[in-house]
Amino acid sequence: MYDAIVVGARCAGASTAMLLARKGLDVLLVDRATFPSDIPHGHFVHRHGPRRLADWGLLDRVLETNCPAVTSMTTDFGDFPLAGQELVVDGIPLGVGPRRSRLDNVLVEAAVDAGVELRDGFAVDEFTQEGDRITGIRGHRRGSRPGVTERAAVVVGADGRNSRLARHVQAPAHDAVPTISCWYFSYWSGVPATGLELYVQDERAIFAHPTNDDLLALFVVWPIAEFTRVRADLEREYMAVVDRVPELAERVRGGRREERFYGSAQLPNFLRKPYGDGWALVGDAGCHKDPFLALGVCDAVRDAELLADALHEGLSGRRPIEAALADYEAQRDEATLPGYRENLMAAQLKPLPAEQYALRAALRANQEDTNAFYLAREEMVPRDSFFGAENLRRIAGV
């Protein structure tokens, strides 16, 4: 009998399991995949993500996978490139973009180091229950017959947007919005990286950032209505968007694509109720969003921390577990919804409001204020430190 069984050992599940074990709980972590292994998902970690990794003692381990820290950011919304430099606070960089094979493996190893029992290559066939209460899992290792049953006080679903646990318990969703965009990406060698780059114009977007082994991760985005046309001639459509940014296109065409194209058109937006009798959800299982603002990993590790704190309080008897998990939901929603709604707007690939173009123009020749803008925009410092009314009037010269 475990305190918790965590289904899914990627960033949300491995983080939750690790944090629970560090609090002294007995945790089983299962995943049908084996580690290290990659998944075709975006993998830039920014905002509060790098600081949490550092607080957990893991940021250096991520960087040691031959993944550079990202300390600069350039955005161009069809006006001009606005570049922030030296974006570091207390030694924590703006971001880091490790391949998921590297990031997830660091987290899995940290979970095992904390005392988690790992069973990778293990498929969950069904969830056991007594009445309405989830009591455990039944599954099997790859190549063996079904029939292994394990019990726990709580089963955590960290099994992605198509969560089997969420379907089993019929977790209700809210604030749901259908897929807005489609994405394709690949990895390029021989392309000089300039940090995190974002280009948006004419309902197209490009994201680029350095990743492991001196590769550049390059993502291209279209409205979902164009998916069938894009897929029919993918490489041509992909490069046609890159060519809209001549300086970037020159760098990319001077390099070499090292892998096939990866992509997705299954990107629904929703929040699910993240707990019930004997179960909880974390990561994409509890909240999935369009990748535009790259909130997936940083929100997953944040919610892992919130859930681990709630489960520890409930399972230790410090307070009723129902009350602790209700607070988890409230805290998750309060932290998630502002960025979730901002992301839904940005993912439509529309021009910025006029006042944002005006602010960018006022920053163009001022590197110090541009750096402060990005630090606040990325929540590396309090947003009010830059976006307060008095400071904005100073920058505008009024």
Protein backbone atom coordinates (compact mmCIF):
# COMPACT_ATOMS: atom_id res chain seq x y z
CA MET A 1 0.00 0.00 0.00
CA TYR A 2 1.57 3.27 -1.17
CA ASP A 3 0.77 6.76 -0.02
CA ALA A 4 0.57 7.80 -3.68
CA ILE A 5 0.79 6.22 -7.11
CA VAL A 6 1.70 8.70 -9.85
CA VAL A 7 0.71 7.65 -13.37
CA GLY A 8 2.97 9.38 -15.89
CA ALA A 9 6.67 10.08 -15.28
CA ARG A 10 7.22 13.13 -17.49
CA CYS A 11 7.79 16.61 -16.09
CA ALA A 12 4.58 16.92 -14.05
CA GLY A 13 4.52 13.36 -12.73
CA ALA A 14 8.21 12.99 -11.96
CA SER A 15 8.21 16.38 -10.19
CA THR A 16 5.16 15.47 -8.10
CA ALA A 17 6.60 12.08 -7.15
CA MET A 18 9.98 13.61 -6.25
CA LEU A 19 8.45 16.31 -4.06
CA LEU A 20 6.18 13.83 -2.27
CA ALA A 21 9.11 11.51 -1.58
CA ARG A 22 11.20 14.41 -0.30
CA LYS A 23 8.40 14.98 2.21
CA GLY A 24 8.71 11.38 3.39
CA LEU A 25 5.81 9.76 1.52
CA ASP A 26 5.95 6.30 -0.05
CA VAL A 27 5.47 6.82 -3.80
CA LEU A 28 5.19 4.56 -6.85
CA LEU A 29 5.83 6.24 -10.21
CA VAL A 30 4.75 4.40 -13.38
CA ASP A 31 4.96 5.13 -17.10
CA ARG A 32 4.52 3.03 -20.23
CA ALA A 33 7.63 4.71 -21.67
CA THR A 34 11.20 3.95 -20.65
CA PHE A 35 13.69 6.66 -19.78
CA PRO A 36 15.45 8.52 -21.23
CA SER A 37 13.08 8.97 -24.16
CA ASP A 38 11.80 11.92 -26.17
CA ILE A 39 8.29 13.13 -26.91
CA PRO A 40 7.32 15.57 -29.70
CA HIS A 41 6.32 18.45 -27.44
CA GLY A 42 7.58 21.98 -27.00
CA HIS A 43 10.19 22.23 -24.26
CA PHE A 44 11.12 25.80 -23.45
CA VAL A 45 11.11 26.45 -19.69
CA HIS A 46 10.80 30.07 -18.62
CA ARG A 47 8.97 32.44 -16.24
CA HIS A 48 8.93 30.73 -12.84
CA GLY A 49 10.19 27.39 -14.20
CA PRO A 50 13.98 27.92 -14.03
CA ARG A 51 13.75 29.29 -10.49
CA ARG A 52 11.81 26.25 -9.32
CA LEU A 53 14.33 23.93 -10.92
CA ALA A 54 17.06 25.87 -9.12
CA ASP A 55 15.18 25.71 -5.80
CA TRP A 56 14.93 21.94 -6.22
CA GLY A 57 18.66 21.70 -6.90
CA LEU A 58 18.10 20.61 -10.50
CA LEU A 59 18.80 23.61 -12.75
CA ASP A 60 22.53 22.89 -12.87
CA ARG A 61 21.79 19.24 -13.67
CA VAL A 62 19.64 20.37 -16.61
CA LEU A 63 22.38 22.71 -17.85
CA GLU A 64 24.90 19.87 -17.53
CA THR A 65 23.00 17.93 -20.20
CA ASN A 66 24.75 20.24 -22.69
CA CYS A 67 21.82 22.62 -22.80
CA PRO A 68 22.71 26.34 -22.71
CA ALA A 69 21.06 28.89 -20.48
CA VAL A 70 19.00 31.42 -22.46
CA THR A 71 19.63 34.99 -21.31
CA SER A 72 18.37 37.05 -24.25
CA MET A 73 15.02 37.44 -26.00
CA THR A 74 14.03 39.02 -29.31
CA THR A 75 10.46 39.65 -30.43
CA ASP A 76 9.17 41.06 -33.70
CA PHE A 77 5.44 41.58 -34.27
CA GLY A 78 5.80 42.89 -37.79
CA ASP A 79 7.27 46.18 -36.56
CA PHE A 80 10.97 45.60 -35.73
CA PRO A 81 13.12 43.23 -33.65
CA LEU A 82 13.20 44.29 -29.99
CA ALA A 83 16.01 42.52 -28.13
CA GLY A 84 16.53 42.17 -24.40
CA GLN A 85 20.00 41.21 -23.16
CA GLU A 86 21.55 39.79 -19.98
CA LEU A 87 18.17 38.63 -18.66
CA VAL A 88 19.39 37.03 -15.45
CA VAL A 89 18.16 37.59 -11.89
CA ASP A 90 20.06 36.18 -8.89
CA GLY A 91 21.93 33.85 -11.22
CA ILE A 92 18.70 32.45 -12.71
CA PRO A 93 18.47 32.84 -16.50
CA LEU A 94 15.42 33.83 -18.51
CA GLY A 95 14.99 30.25 -19.64
CA VAL A 96 16.36 26.92 -20.69
CA GLY A 97 15.17 24.70 -23.54
CA PRO A 98 16.25 21.09 -22.86
CA ARG A 99 14.95 18.27 -25.04
CA ARG A 100 12.31 16.34 -23.15
CA SER A 101 14.51 13.24 -23.14
CA ARG A 102 17.01 15.23 -21.06
CA LEU A 103 14.63 17.25 -18.86
CA ASP A 104 12.32 14.36 -18.00
CA ASN A 105 15.27 12.08 -17.27
CA VAL A 106 16.78 14.60 -14.85
CA LEU A 107 13.44 14.75 -13.02
CA VAL A 108 12.98 10.96 -13.03
CA GLU A 109 16.49 10.45 -11.64
CA ALA A 110 15.83 13.06 -8.96
CA ALA A 111 12.61 11.25 -8.03
CA VAL A 112 14.45 7.94 -7.68
CA ASP A 113 17.20 9.67 -5.66
CA ALA A 114 14.45 10.91 -3.32
CA GLY A 115 13.21 7.36 -2.73
CA VAL A 116 10.48 6.99 -5.35
CA GLU A 117 9.93 3.48 -6.72
CA LEU A 118 10.02 3.76 -10.52
CA ARG A 119 8.40 1.28 -12.88
CA ASP A 120 8.94 2.46 -16.41
CA GLY A 121 7.82 0.31 -19.30
CA PHE A 122 4.67 -0.30 -17.22
CA ALA A 123 1.20 0.14 -18.73
CA VAL A 124 -1.85 0.90 -16.60
CA ASP A 125 -4.75 -1.24 -17.81
CA GLU A 126 -7.40 0.00 -15.39
CA PHE A 127 -8.03 1.78 -12.12
CA THR A 128 -9.34 -0.11 -9.12
CA GLN A 129 -11.99 1.36 -6.89
CA GLU A 130 -14.30 0.71 -3.97
CA GLY A 131 -17.61 2.40 -4.64
CA ASP A 132 -16.75 5.81 -6.07
CA ARG A 133 -13.30 5.90 -4.49
CA ILE A 134 -10.20 5.23 -6.61
CA THR A 135 -7.99 2.80 -4.71
CA GLY A 136 -5.15 1.92 -7.07
CA ILE A 137 -4.11 0.62 -10.46
CA ARG A 138 -3.93 -2.66 -12.33
CA GLY A 139 -1.35 -3.00 -15.08
CA HIS A 140 1.59 -4.88 -16.56
CA ARG A 141 5.18 -4.47 -17.61
CA ARG A 142 5.97 -4.46 -21.29
CA GLY A 143 6.01 -8.01 -22.64
CA SER A 144 4.21 -9.53 -19.62
CA ARG A 145 0.60 -10.45 -19.02
CA PRO A 146 -1.80 -8.03 -17.26
CA GLY A 147 -2.58 -8.58 -13.63
CA VAL A 148 -0.30 -6.55 -11.33
CA THR A 149 -2.41 -4.61 -8.83
CA GLU A 150 -1.11 -1.85 -6.57
CA ARG A 151 -3.04 0.20 -4.02
CA ALA A 152 -2.56 3.73 -2.74
CA ALA A 153 -4.26 6.38 -0.66
CA VAL A 154 -4.22 8.63 -3.74
CA VAL A 155 -3.69 7.99 -7.45
CA VAL A 156 -2.29 11.00 -9.33
CA GLY A 157 -2.93 11.30 -13.05
CA ALA A 158 0.03 12.99 -14.75
CA ASP A 159 -0.79 11.23 -17.99
CA GLY A 160 -1.28 14.14 -20.37
CA ARG A 161 -4.15 15.92 -22.07
CA ASN A 162 -5.80 12.58 -22.99
CA SER A 163 -5.51 11.40 -19.39
CA ARG A 164 -6.94 7.93 -18.88
CA LEU A 165 -7.57 8.71 -15.22
CA ALA A 166 -9.47 11.90 -16.10
CA ARG A 167 -11.66 9.91 -18.50
CA HIS A 168 -12.24 7.17 -15.95
CA VAL A 169 -13.43 9.55 -13.23
CA GLN A 170 -15.18 11.80 -15.78
CA ALA A 171 -13.40 14.88 -14.49
CA PRO A 172 -15.45 17.88 -15.63
CA ALA A 173 -13.75 20.56 -17.74
CA HIS A 174 -14.31 24.32 -17.74
CA ASP A 175 -13.07 27.35 -19.68
CA ALA A 176 -12.68 25.01 -22.65
CA VAL A 177 -11.75 26.38 -26.09
CA PRO A 178 -11.15 24.17 -29.15
CA THR A 179 -7.80 23.98 -30.90
CA ILE A 180 -6.70 27.39 -32.23
CA SER A 181 -3.44 26.64 -34.03
CA CYS A 182 -1.29 23.92 -35.56
CA TRP A 183 2.47 23.59 -35.04
CA TYR A 184 5.42 21.94 -36.73
CA PHE A 185 9.03 21.95 -35.56
CA SER A 186 12.42 20.37 -36.04
CA TYR A 187 16.06 20.74 -35.01
CA TRP A 188 18.86 22.40 -36.96
CA SER A 189 22.64 22.26 -36.65
CA GLY A 190 25.02 24.97 -37.78
CA VAL A 191 22.55 27.79 -37.03
CA PRO A 192 23.88 30.55 -34.74
CA ALA A 193 21.39 31.06 -31.89
CA THR A 194 20.56 34.48 -30.45
CA GLY A 195 18.53 33.32 -27.44
CA LEU A 196 14.76 33.03 -27.48
CA GLU A 197 13.26 34.45 -30.70
CA LEU A 198 9.60 35.11 -31.49
CA TYR A 199 8.31 36.48 -34.80
CA VAL A 200 4.59 37.05 -35.47
CA GLN A 201 3.08 38.52 -38.63
CA ASP A 202 0.24 37.81 -41.05
CA GLU A 203 -1.23 35.03 -38.86
CA ARG A 204 2.05 33.13 -38.79
CA ALA A 205 4.51 32.74 -35.94
CA ILE A 206 8.04 31.42 -35.50
CA PHE A 207 9.69 30.40 -32.24
CA ALA A 208 13.37 29.52 -32.00
CA HIS A 209 15.69 28.72 -29.12
CA PRO A 210 18.92 26.81 -28.53
CA THR A 211 18.71 23.32 -27.12
CA ASN A 212 21.01 20.40 -26.35
CA ASP A 213 24.06 19.55 -28.44
CA ASP A 214 24.35 22.89 -30.24
CA LEU A 215 21.01 22.47 -32.02
CA LEU A 216 18.39 25.15 -32.68
CA ALA A 217 14.76 24.19 -32.02
CA LEU A 218 12.62 25.93 -34.64
CA PHE A 219 8.81 25.99 -34.37
CA VAL A 220 6.36 27.38 -36.95
CA VAL A 221 2.69 28.11 -36.25
CA TRP A 222 -0.41 28.54 -38.44
CA PRO A 223 -4.14 28.92 -37.67
CA ILE A 224 -5.76 25.51 -37.31
CA ALA A 225 -7.95 26.18 -40.37
CA GLU A 226 -4.80 25.88 -42.51
CA PHE A 227 -3.66 22.52 -41.16
CA THR A 228 -4.74 20.37 -44.12
CA ARG A 229 -3.05 22.65 -46.63
CA VAL A 230 0.14 22.95 -44.58
CA ARG A 231 0.42 19.21 -44.04
CA ALA A 232 0.05 18.52 -47.78
CA ASP A 233 3.38 20.25 -48.56
CA LEU A 234 4.95 20.65 -45.15
CA GLU A 235 8.57 21.51 -45.88
CA ARG A 236 7.66 24.14 -48.47
CA GLU A 237 5.05 25.75 -46.20
CA TYR A 238 7.39 25.65 -43.20
CA MET A 239 10.28 27.30 -45.04
CA ALA A 240 7.96 29.85 -46.65
CA VAL A 241 7.16 31.15 -43.17
CA VAL A 242 10.84 31.16 -42.14
CA ASP A 243 11.67 33.12 -45.29
CA ARG A 244 9.40 35.94 -44.08
CA VAL A 245 12.20 36.80 -41.62
CA PRO A 246 15.24 37.28 -43.90
CA GLU A 247 17.90 37.43 -41.18
CA LEU A 248 16.60 34.24 -39.56
CA ALA A 249 16.14 32.53 -42.93
CA GLU A 250 19.76 33.24 -43.84
CA ARG A 251 20.93 31.58 -40.64
CA VAL A 252 18.61 28.58 -41.03
CA ARG A 253 19.38 28.00 -44.68
CA GLY A 254 23.07 28.08 -43.82
CA GLY A 255 22.53 25.19 -41.42
CA ARG A 256 21.15 21.66 -41.69
CA ARG A 257 17.93 20.07 -40.50
CA GLU A 258 18.94 17.07 -38.36
CA GLU A 259 15.58 15.41 -37.70
CA ARG A 260 12.18 14.94 -39.25
CA PHE A 261 9.39 17.43 -38.72
CA TYR A 262 7.24 16.93 -35.63
CA GLY A 263 3.85 18.54 -35.23
CA SER A 264 0.41 18.63 -33.73
CA ALA A 265 -3.07 19.79 -34.54
CA GLN A 266 -4.59 18.35 -31.36
CA LEU A 267 -4.16 21.26 -28.97
CA PRO A 268 -7.41 21.80 -27.06
CA ASN A 269 -7.57 24.33 -24.26
CA PHE A 270 -9.23 23.39 -20.96
CA LEU A 271 -9.01 23.20 -17.20
CA ARG A 272 -10.32 20.07 -15.51
CA LYS A 273 -11.44 19.62 -11.94
CA PRO A 274 -8.16 18.26 -10.57
CA TYR A 275 -9.23 16.08 -7.67
CA GLY A 276 -11.86 13.74 -6.31
CA ASP A 277 -12.26 10.74 -4.03
CA GLY A 278 -8.87 9.02 -4.09
CA TRP A 279 -7.50 10.80 -7.16
CA ALA A 280 -5.87 14.00 -8.38
CA LEU A 281 -4.67 15.42 -11.70
CA VAL A 282 -1.56 17.48 -12.48
CA GLY A 283 0.13 18.93 -15.55
CA ASP A 284 -1.59 18.62 -18.93
CA ALA A 285 -4.03 16.11 -17.41
CA GLY A 286 -5.48 18.94 -15.33
CA CYS A 287 -4.91 21.90 -17.63
CA HIS A 288 -3.91 21.91 -21.29
CA LYS A 289 -3.28 25.00 -23.37
CA ASP A 290 -2.05 26.10 -26.76
CA PRO A 291 1.79 26.21 -26.79
CA PHE A 292 2.02 29.88 -27.87
CA LEU A 293 3.34 31.29 -24.57
CA ALA A 294 5.22 28.06 -23.75
CA LEU A 295 3.48 27.72 -20.39
CA GLY A 296 3.20 23.93 -20.33
CA VAL A 297 6.37 22.90 -18.52
CA CYS A 298 6.65 25.86 -16.16
CA ASP A 299 3.00 25.50 -15.11
CA ALA A 300 3.43 21.73 -14.72
CA VAL A 301 6.29 22.09 -12.25
CA ARG A 302 4.43 24.84 -10.38
CA ASP A 303 1.31 22.67 -10.07
CA ALA A 304 3.40 19.68 -9.02
CA GLU A 305 4.60 21.76 -6.08
CA LEU A 306 1.07 22.88 -5.21
CA LEU A 307 -0.28 19.33 -5.40
CA ALA A 308 2.59 17.81 -3.42
CA ASP A 309 2.02 20.35 -0.63
CA ALA A 310 -1.72 19.60 -0.57
CA LEU A 311 -1.28 15.83 -0.56
CA HIS A 312 1.32 16.01 2.19
CA GLU A 313 -1.03 18.06 4.34
CA GLY A 314 -3.92 15.68 3.73
CA LEU A 315 -2.07 12.37 3.98
CA SER A 316 -0.15 13.48 7.09
CA GLY A 317 -3.42 14.25 8.87
CA ARG A 318 -2.62 17.93 9.31
CA ARG A 319 -5.95 18.76 7.71
CA PRO A 320 -8.74 16.89 5.87
CA ILE A 321 -7.47 15.83 2.47
CA GLU A 322 -10.64 17.09 0.77
CA ALA A 323 -9.98 20.59 2.11
CA ALA A 324 -6.31 20.45 1.15
CA LEU A 325 -7.14 19.39 -2.42
CA ALA A 326 -9.84 22.03 -2.71
CA ASP A 327 -7.16 24.60 -1.90
CA TYR A 328 -4.93 23.01 -4.53
CA GLU A 329 -7.63 23.57 -7.14
CA ALA A 330 -8.20 27.16 -6.03
CA GLN A 331 -4.48 27.97 -6.02
CA ARG A 332 -3.95 26.31 -9.40
CA ASP A 333 -6.82 28.21 -11.00
CA GLU A 334 -5.76 31.54 -9.51
CA ALA A 335 -2.21 31.04 -10.79
CA THR A 336 -3.26 29.62 -14.16
CA LEU A 337 -6.20 31.64 -15.44
CA PRO A 338 -4.52 35.01 -16.16
CA GLY A 339 -1.84 33.37 -18.32
CA TYR A 340 -4.37 30.95 -19.78
CA ARG A 341 -6.56 33.80 -21.03
CA GLU A 342 -3.56 35.81 -22.24
CA ASN A 343 -2.38 32.75 -24.11
CA LEU A 344 -5.75 32.23 -25.81
CA MET A 345 -5.60 35.78 -27.15
CA ALA A 346 -1.99 35.52 -28.30
CA ALA A 347 -2.55 32.16 -30.00
CA GLN A 348 -4.96 33.80 -32.45
CA LEU A 349 -1.89 35.34 -34.14
CA LYS A 350 -3.53 38.76 -34.45
CA PRO A 351 -1.70 42.13 -34.39
CA LEU A 352 -0.94 43.61 -30.99
CA PRO A 353 -3.11 46.40 -29.55
CA ALA A 354 -1.92 49.85 -30.63
CA GLU A 355 -0.66 50.76 -27.15
CA GLN A 356 1.69 47.76 -27.15
CA TYR A 357 3.22 48.80 -30.48
CA ALA A 358 3.64 52.30 -29.04
CA LEU A 359 5.42 50.93 -25.97
CA ARG A 360 7.75 48.86 -28.14
CA ALA A 361 8.57 51.92 -30.23
CA ALA A 362 9.37 53.93 -27.10
CA LEU A 363 11.72 51.15 -25.92
CA ARG A 364 13.53 50.75 -29.21
CA ALA A 365 16.58 52.90 -28.44
CA ASN A 366 16.71 52.21 -24.69
CA GLN A 367 18.45 48.96 -23.81
CA GLU A 368 18.11 49.35 -20.04
CA ASP A 369 14.33 49.81 -20.20
CA THR A 370 14.03 47.08 -22.82
CA ASN A 371 15.78 44.67 -20.47
CA ALA A 372 13.49 45.77 -17.63
CA PHE A 373 10.47 45.22 -19.91
CA TYR A 374 11.42 41.62 -20.62
CA LEU A 375 12.33 40.88 -17.00
CA ALA A 376 8.87 42.04 -15.93
CA ARG A 377 7.11 40.44 -18.89
CA GLU A 378 8.73 37.12 -18.00
CA GLU A 379 7.83 37.53 -14.31
CA MET A 380 11.48 37.43 -13.27
CA VAL A 381 10.78 40.62 -11.32
CA PRO A 382 7.39 41.94 -10.15
CA ARG A 383 5.36 43.12 -13.14
CA ASP A 384 4.46 46.39 -11.43
CA SER A 385 8.15 47.29 -11.32
CA PHE A 386 7.90 48.01 -15.03
CA PHE A 387 4.21 48.17 -15.93
CA GLY A 388 3.21 50.63 -13.23
CA ALA A 389 1.48 53.71 -14.64
CA GLU A 390 4.19 56.15 -13.53
CA ASN A 391 6.97 54.14 -15.16
CA LEU A 392 5.03 53.74 -18.41
CA ARG A 393 4.46 57.53 -18.54
CA ARG A 394 8.19 58.07 -18.03
CA ILE A 395 9.04 55.76 -20.93
CA ALA A 396 6.43 57.39 -23.17
CA GLY A 397 7.82 60.84 -22.29
CA VAL A 398 4.50 62.22 -21.07
